Amino acid sequence: MKGRCYFIFTSIILWGLALLGVLFFYSVVKHQEYVKAAEEQHIAKKIIKGKRGQIYVYDSPEKESLFAVAINSESFRVSLVPKNVRDIDKVAEELSKIIGLSKEEIKTRYTPYKDNFYMPPLKKGLSYEQAEAIEKLKLVGVLIEREDKRLYPEKSLLAQTIGFVDYEGNGQYGIEGVFDSYLKPSIGIAIGRKDLLGNFVNILNSEKAKNGADIYLTIDRNVQFVVEEKLKKAIETYKADAGEVIVLEAKTGNILAMAQWPTFDLNEFNKAPVENHDLFLNKVIQATWEPGSVLKPIVMAAALDSGAVPDNYENTYGNVVVVQGHEIHTATNKAYGRETLSQILENSDNVAMVDISSKLGTEKMYEYLKNFNFGEKLGIEIGPEASGKLLEKKKWRDINRATISFGQGISVTPLQIASAYLAIANGGRLIQPKVVEKIVFSDGREEVFPTKEIRRVISEETAKKITNMLISVVERGHGKKAAVPGYQVAGKTGTAQIPLPSGGYEENTHIGSFAGFLPANNPCFVILVKLDRPKTVEFAESSAAPTFSEIASFLLTYYKVPATK
């Protein structure tokens, strides 16, 4: 009995010593290791995101004020870290009072993820006040994160030029898409200690996030608004399917307005009709059409500049000419008798243009059209830009040269036609149109986009002659409705047939356009108006021309341009 007691006593002593040894090992020998492990459990990384750059346009004729057309609206989202949630009933009840979801819905969404550390956010777009109220509850497993929502205060204004940011935060189309890498902020990281609720209480190290660059456009908000209103009115009045307008500052090539219809609300891009898949495209630079008679002044300029026809040329053809077995008629099927160069444009005589193109010849005509940048991209900043279609010179036959002389068999963008008229307005110098003024980075650096002259396309003397002819078109020809009282306007109408994919042209439909500049002898603005399939008028002189006049009248008043006559 005494031996058994001794054994038990000895065993207790030994177990006690062993336990003390273990305690000593973990509390002294391994102390620092476990302190470090405990600290690591409370140290975490936090992603810090800068703000996306904003997009600005001018908001006054003096360019003294700006307006942000793409901004960031700070909001918050609430998420659960399911595995950290201690009391889902309490969490669901408290959150339901703030975020507008029922207690049952919160629990239903939580349940499939309860053993995970991640689940999709419960609610996005919370206000600062809502986020603050949730923070004060100090609910374990509830996470509040800031998120920036992209907003477009003017909704559909300048939609295709601005583009939009998708739900993944990526820029799509327009400025948002092309300059996405500039607008996007950089990501920063904060490393720090968290309390038991998961809140950062001590930042140990951090790498700052950088905001994205701001982009400043040449567009004027007020001009853009009026141009869009005038375009919409024209489409409704003439029952057109669609249309585009571009307004350029004549001396610089700066784009003041770039409008199209139909359009969409940038804030609700997801509601755009699926069947209208090209609604997001900027048709001023991406859509092409056979321009018709607005191309005639360019061919006329080539013939004069090259010396192919003299200043005193007179057309003596009738109402029809035959080229390689194809009959080409005047638009009205009327013979105009003897015509001067100016009268050919006033009457928009197809037959006379065929004769002028034959005197110009394929080689020279192709060369001048290429110099005016037809068939080529102009290099505007917000591509992708369409190049249009100019048949390769080696494929030209007489019939190609003949039809191109009056704007058929060649496809162009609205920007290309506006650019060609811009060259005439600038004394024969082809200026690269631009819509981006500058980019300002978060550190204050600036990248400025200067005015660029591409090349001289015709002499100053030729440009002056064509300008005078275009003045006559407005004063005596088919462009009368483009006139603006008190000012000389230079411009040309275009009533273009619409080609069928299978060949030939649509019957009883057309695209009406008017391109011009004013004041004619000291141009401030170049304007192109294009209306697709207007149904209440037969010619562009009754649709695009009066729309041009309305837009021009506003511009002259807005910029306080003195009268010239």
Foldseek 3Di string as FASTA:
>chain_A
DVVVVVVVVVVVVVVVVVVVVVCCCCVPVCVVVVVVVVQVVFKDKDKDFAAFAWEWEAAALVSPDIDTQKDWDKWKFKFFQQCFADDLQVVLVQLCVQQVDHSVVSCVQSVVCNNGRGGPTPDIGHHPVSLVSSVVVLGARMDMDMDIDMDGVVFFQVQLQCAAADPVRQGDHHCRHLVVVQRGKAMKMWIAGADPRRHGDGTPDMDDIFGGWYFYWHEHRVLSVVLQVLQVVLCVVLVFPKWWKWKAFLVFLGTHYTDMPPEGTRVPPVPPDPVPVCRSHRQLFAPKFQFFQLCQLLLVLLLDQVVLDDQADKDADFQWDADPNDIDGFPVNGGPGIDGPLVCQQSVGLVVLLVSLVSSDLVSSVVLCVVLQQQHHLPESRDPGDRWDDDDSVPDDSVCSSVVNRRPPTMDHNNSSLQSQSCLLVLQWRKRRYTTQWIATRVGDIDGDGIDTPGRSGGSVSSVVSLVSQLCSCVPGLLVLLDAPLAGKGKHKGWAFGADPVGDTDPPFTKIKMWIFPSSNNTGMTMIIITGGRRNDRYNSVRHRNSNNVSVVVVCVSSVPHGDD
